[in-house]
N, C-alpha and C. Protein backbone atom coordinates (compact mmCIF):
# COMPACT_ATOMS: atom_id res chain seq x y z
N UNK A 1 -5.82 -14.31 5.44
CA UNK A 1 -4.79 -13.44 4.88
C UNK A 1 -4.26 -14.09 3.60
N UNK A 2 -4.29 -13.32 2.53
CA UNK A 2 -3.83 -13.85 1.25
C UNK A 2 -2.37 -13.45 1.02
N UNK A 3 -1.84 -13.91 -0.11
CA UNK A 3 -0.47 -13.55 -0.43
C UNK A 3 -0.43 -12.38 -1.41
N UNK A 4 -1.56 -11.69 -1.54
CA UNK A 4 -1.63 -10.49 -2.37
C UNK A 4 -2.40 -9.41 -1.61
N UNK A 5 -1.94 -8.19 -1.74
CA UNK A 5 -2.64 -7.06 -1.14
C UNK A 5 -3.64 -6.54 -2.16
N UNK A 6 -4.89 -6.40 -1.75
CA UNK A 6 -5.93 -5.90 -2.64
C UNK A 6 -6.09 -4.39 -2.45
N UNK A 7 -6.84 -3.80 -3.34
CA UNK A 7 -7.15 -2.37 -3.22
C UNK A 7 -7.91 -2.13 -1.92
N UNK A 8 -8.80 -3.05 -1.57
CA UNK A 8 -9.55 -2.91 -0.32
C UNK A 8 -8.62 -2.92 0.90
N UNK A 9 -7.63 -3.80 0.89
CA UNK A 9 -6.68 -3.85 2.00
C UNK A 9 -5.83 -2.58 2.04
N UNK A 10 -5.45 -2.08 0.88
CA UNK A 10 -4.67 -0.84 0.84
C UNK A 10 -5.49 0.31 1.43
N UNK A 11 -6.76 0.38 1.09
CA UNK A 11 -7.63 1.42 1.66
C UNK A 11 -7.71 1.30 3.18
N UNK A 12 -7.82 0.06 3.66
CA UNK A 12 -7.86 -0.19 5.11
C UNK A 12 -6.54 0.24 5.77
N UNK A 13 -5.42 -0.09 5.12
CA UNK A 13 -4.11 0.28 5.65
C UNK A 13 -3.91 1.78 5.66
N UNK A 14 -4.42 2.46 4.64
CA UNK A 14 -4.30 3.92 4.60
C UNK A 14 -5.02 4.54 5.78
N UNK A 15 -6.17 3.97 6.14
CA UNK A 15 -6.92 4.49 7.29
C UNK A 15 -6.21 4.16 8.59
N UNK A 16 -5.75 2.92 8.72
CA UNK A 16 -5.13 2.47 9.97
C UNK A 16 -3.78 3.14 10.22
N UNK A 17 -2.92 3.17 9.20
CA UNK A 17 -1.56 3.65 9.40
C UNK A 17 -1.41 5.16 9.22
N UNK A 18 -2.31 5.78 8.44
CA UNK A 18 -2.13 7.19 8.15
C UNK A 18 -3.36 8.04 8.46
N UNK A 19 -4.45 7.40 8.86
CA UNK A 19 -5.65 8.14 9.20
C UNK A 19 -6.36 8.74 8.01
N UNK A 20 -6.13 8.18 6.82
CA UNK A 20 -6.74 8.71 5.60
C UNK A 20 -7.80 7.74 5.12
N UNK A 21 -9.02 8.23 5.00
CA UNK A 21 -10.13 7.40 4.56
C UNK A 21 -10.36 7.61 3.07
N UNK A 22 -10.21 6.53 2.33
CA UNK A 22 -10.48 6.54 0.89
C UNK A 22 -11.29 5.29 0.58
N UNK A 23 -12.36 5.46 -0.17
CA UNK A 23 -13.18 4.31 -0.56
C UNK A 23 -12.37 3.42 -1.50
N UNK A 24 -12.44 2.11 -1.30
CA UNK A 24 -11.72 1.19 -2.19
C UNK A 24 -12.06 1.42 -3.67
N UNK A 25 -13.33 1.76 -3.93
CA UNK A 25 -13.75 2.01 -5.31
C UNK A 25 -13.00 3.20 -5.91
N UNK A 26 -12.80 4.22 -5.10
CA UNK A 26 -12.07 5.40 -5.57
C UNK A 26 -10.60 5.05 -5.83
N UNK A 27 -10.00 4.27 -4.94
CA UNK A 27 -8.62 3.83 -5.16
C UNK A 27 -8.51 3.01 -6.44
N UNK A 28 -9.49 2.15 -6.67
CA UNK A 28 -9.49 1.31 -7.86
C UNK A 28 -9.57 2.17 -9.12
N UNK A 29 -10.44 3.16 -9.11
CA UNK A 29 -10.63 4.02 -10.28
C UNK A 29 -9.46 4.95 -10.51
N UNK A 30 -8.76 5.31 -9.45
CA UNK A 30 -7.69 6.31 -9.56
C UNK A 30 -6.33 5.70 -9.20
N UNK A 31 -6.07 4.46 -9.61
CA UNK A 31 -4.83 3.78 -9.26
C UNK A 31 -3.59 4.48 -9.80
N UNK A 32 -3.74 5.25 -10.87
CA UNK A 32 -2.59 5.94 -11.46
C UNK A 32 -2.34 7.29 -10.79
N UNK A 33 -3.29 7.76 -10.00
CA UNK A 33 -3.12 9.04 -9.32
C UNK A 33 -2.02 8.92 -8.27
N UNK A 34 -1.35 10.01 -8.03
CA UNK A 34 -0.32 10.01 -6.99
C UNK A 34 -0.95 9.88 -5.62
N UNK A 35 -0.20 9.28 -4.69
CA UNK A 35 -0.71 9.16 -3.32
C UNK A 35 -1.02 10.53 -2.74
N UNK A 36 -0.28 11.55 -3.17
CA UNK A 36 -0.53 12.90 -2.66
C UNK A 36 -1.95 13.38 -3.00
N UNK A 37 -2.52 12.88 -4.09
CA UNK A 37 -3.89 13.26 -4.47
C UNK A 37 -4.90 12.74 -3.44
N UNK A 38 -4.52 11.71 -2.69
CA UNK A 38 -5.38 11.15 -1.65
C UNK A 38 -5.03 11.74 -0.27
N UNK A 39 -3.99 12.56 -0.22
CA UNK A 39 -3.56 13.14 1.04
C UNK A 39 -2.56 12.30 1.80
N UNK A 40 -1.98 11.30 1.13
CA UNK A 40 -1.02 10.41 1.78
C UNK A 40 0.40 10.88 1.47
N UNK A 41 1.16 11.16 2.51
CA UNK A 41 2.55 11.59 2.30
C UNK A 41 3.51 10.42 2.52
N UNK A 42 4.79 10.69 2.39
CA UNK A 42 5.80 9.63 2.50
C UNK A 42 5.81 9.00 3.89
N UNK A 43 5.53 9.77 4.91
CA UNK A 43 5.49 9.23 6.27
C UNK A 43 4.32 8.25 6.42
N UNK A 44 3.19 8.59 5.84
CA UNK A 44 2.04 7.70 5.87
C UNK A 44 2.32 6.40 5.12
N UNK A 45 3.00 6.53 3.99
CA UNK A 45 3.34 5.35 3.20
C UNK A 45 4.34 4.47 3.95
N UNK A 46 5.25 5.09 4.66
CA UNK A 46 6.20 4.35 5.48
C UNK A 46 5.46 3.57 6.57
N UNK A 47 4.43 4.17 7.14
CA UNK A 47 3.61 3.49 8.14
C UNK A 47 2.91 2.27 7.56
N UNK A 48 2.43 2.39 6.32
CA UNK A 48 1.77 1.27 5.65
C UNK A 48 2.77 0.15 5.41
N UNK A 49 3.96 0.51 4.95
CA UNK A 49 5.01 -0.49 4.71
C UNK A 49 5.34 -1.22 6.01
N UNK A 50 5.49 -0.47 7.10
CA UNK A 50 5.77 -1.08 8.40
C UNK A 50 4.67 -2.02 8.85
N UNK A 51 3.43 -1.63 8.64
CA UNK A 51 2.29 -2.46 8.99
C UNK A 51 2.31 -3.77 8.19
N UNK A 52 2.62 -3.67 6.91
CA UNK A 52 2.69 -4.88 6.08
C UNK A 52 3.84 -5.79 6.50
N UNK A 53 4.97 -5.20 6.86
CA UNK A 53 6.11 -6.01 7.32
C UNK A 53 5.75 -6.76 8.59
N UNK A 54 5.05 -6.09 9.50
CA UNK A 54 4.60 -6.76 10.72
C UNK A 54 3.58 -7.85 10.42
N UNK A 55 2.66 -7.56 9.54
CA UNK A 55 1.59 -8.49 9.21
C UNK A 55 2.12 -9.76 8.54
N UNK A 56 3.06 -9.59 7.62
CA UNK A 56 3.55 -10.73 6.84
C UNK A 56 4.88 -11.28 7.34
N UNK A 57 5.51 -10.58 8.28
CA UNK A 57 6.77 -11.07 8.83
C UNK A 57 7.90 -11.12 7.83
N UNK A 58 7.84 -10.24 6.85
CA UNK A 58 8.87 -10.21 5.82
C UNK A 58 9.12 -8.76 5.40
N UNK A 59 10.36 -8.43 5.08
CA UNK A 59 10.63 -7.06 4.65
C UNK A 59 10.00 -6.76 3.29
N UNK A 60 9.52 -5.55 3.15
CA UNK A 60 8.97 -5.10 1.88
C UNK A 60 10.11 -4.53 1.03
N UNK A 61 9.92 -4.44 -0.28
CA UNK A 61 10.97 -3.88 -1.13
C UNK A 61 11.32 -2.46 -0.69
N UNK A 62 12.59 -2.09 -0.75
CA UNK A 62 12.99 -0.75 -0.31
C UNK A 62 12.29 0.37 -1.09
N UNK A 63 11.93 0.11 -2.32
CA UNK A 63 11.27 1.13 -3.14
C UNK A 63 9.79 1.29 -2.82
N UNK A 64 9.22 0.38 -2.03
CA UNK A 64 7.78 0.43 -1.74
C UNK A 64 7.40 1.77 -1.10
N UNK A 65 8.22 2.25 -0.19
CA UNK A 65 7.88 3.50 0.50
C UNK A 65 8.07 4.72 -0.39
N UNK A 66 8.65 4.53 -1.57
CA UNK A 66 8.84 5.64 -2.51
C UNK A 66 7.84 5.58 -3.66
N UNK A 67 6.91 4.64 -3.60
CA UNK A 67 5.92 4.49 -4.66
C UNK A 67 5.14 5.79 -4.82
N UNK A 68 4.84 6.09 -6.06
CA UNK A 68 4.11 7.34 -6.35
C UNK A 68 2.61 7.13 -6.46
N UNK A 69 2.18 5.91 -6.81
CA UNK A 69 0.74 5.67 -7.02
C UNK A 69 0.33 4.34 -6.38
N UNK A 70 -0.97 4.20 -6.13
CA UNK A 70 -1.45 2.92 -5.60
C UNK A 70 -1.08 1.74 -6.49
N UNK A 71 -1.19 1.90 -7.81
CA UNK A 71 -0.85 0.80 -8.72
C UNK A 71 0.61 0.39 -8.55
N UNK A 72 1.50 1.36 -8.53
CA UNK A 72 2.94 1.07 -8.39
C UNK A 72 3.20 0.37 -7.06
N UNK A 73 2.58 0.85 -6.00
CA UNK A 73 2.77 0.27 -4.68
C UNK A 73 2.29 -1.18 -4.64
N UNK A 74 1.08 -1.42 -5.15
CA UNK A 74 0.53 -2.77 -5.14
C UNK A 74 1.36 -3.73 -5.98
N UNK A 75 1.84 -3.27 -7.12
CA UNK A 75 2.68 -4.13 -7.96
C UNK A 75 3.97 -4.52 -7.25
N UNK A 76 4.63 -3.56 -6.63
CA UNK A 76 5.89 -3.83 -5.91
C UNK A 76 5.67 -4.78 -4.74
N UNK A 77 4.70 -4.46 -3.91
CA UNK A 77 4.44 -5.25 -2.70
C UNK A 77 3.97 -6.66 -3.06
N UNK A 78 3.06 -6.76 -4.01
CA UNK A 78 2.56 -8.09 -4.39
C UNK A 78 3.63 -8.94 -5.04
N UNK A 79 4.52 -8.33 -5.81
CA UNK A 79 5.64 -9.08 -6.38
C UNK A 79 6.53 -9.64 -5.28
N UNK A 80 6.80 -8.82 -4.27
CA UNK A 80 7.64 -9.27 -3.15
C UNK A 80 6.96 -10.39 -2.37
N UNK A 81 5.66 -10.27 -2.14
CA UNK A 81 4.93 -11.30 -1.39
C UNK A 81 4.88 -12.60 -2.17
N UNK A 82 4.67 -12.54 -3.49
CA UNK A 82 4.64 -13.74 -4.30
C UNK A 82 6.01 -14.42 -4.35
N UNK A 83 7.05 -13.61 -4.42
CA UNK A 83 8.42 -14.16 -4.45
C UNK A 83 8.77 -14.85 -3.14
N UNK A 84 8.23 -14.32 -2.03
CA UNK A 84 8.53 -14.88 -0.73
C UNK A 84 7.63 -16.03 -0.33
N UNK A 85 6.57 -16.26 -1.12
CA UNK A 85 5.60 -17.31 -0.76
C UNK A 85 6.13 -18.70 -1.04
């Protein structure tokens, strides 16, 4: 387990927490697209945030669950993980 969430891990979390399958390559290419373009709603994003909090044992930024795109989400979460490391 690293101190940064990768696009591959985000794709895995989307499948595990929200049941949405997206290829990591597609997430990488479409990082600016809204989560809604992938079929992920706010409840699914909340599930991902909860999974990360359990995995890392640390609270995620409050704005993480309001992220609009994969890029925004990864930047927020990775900043919090680096600050807590």
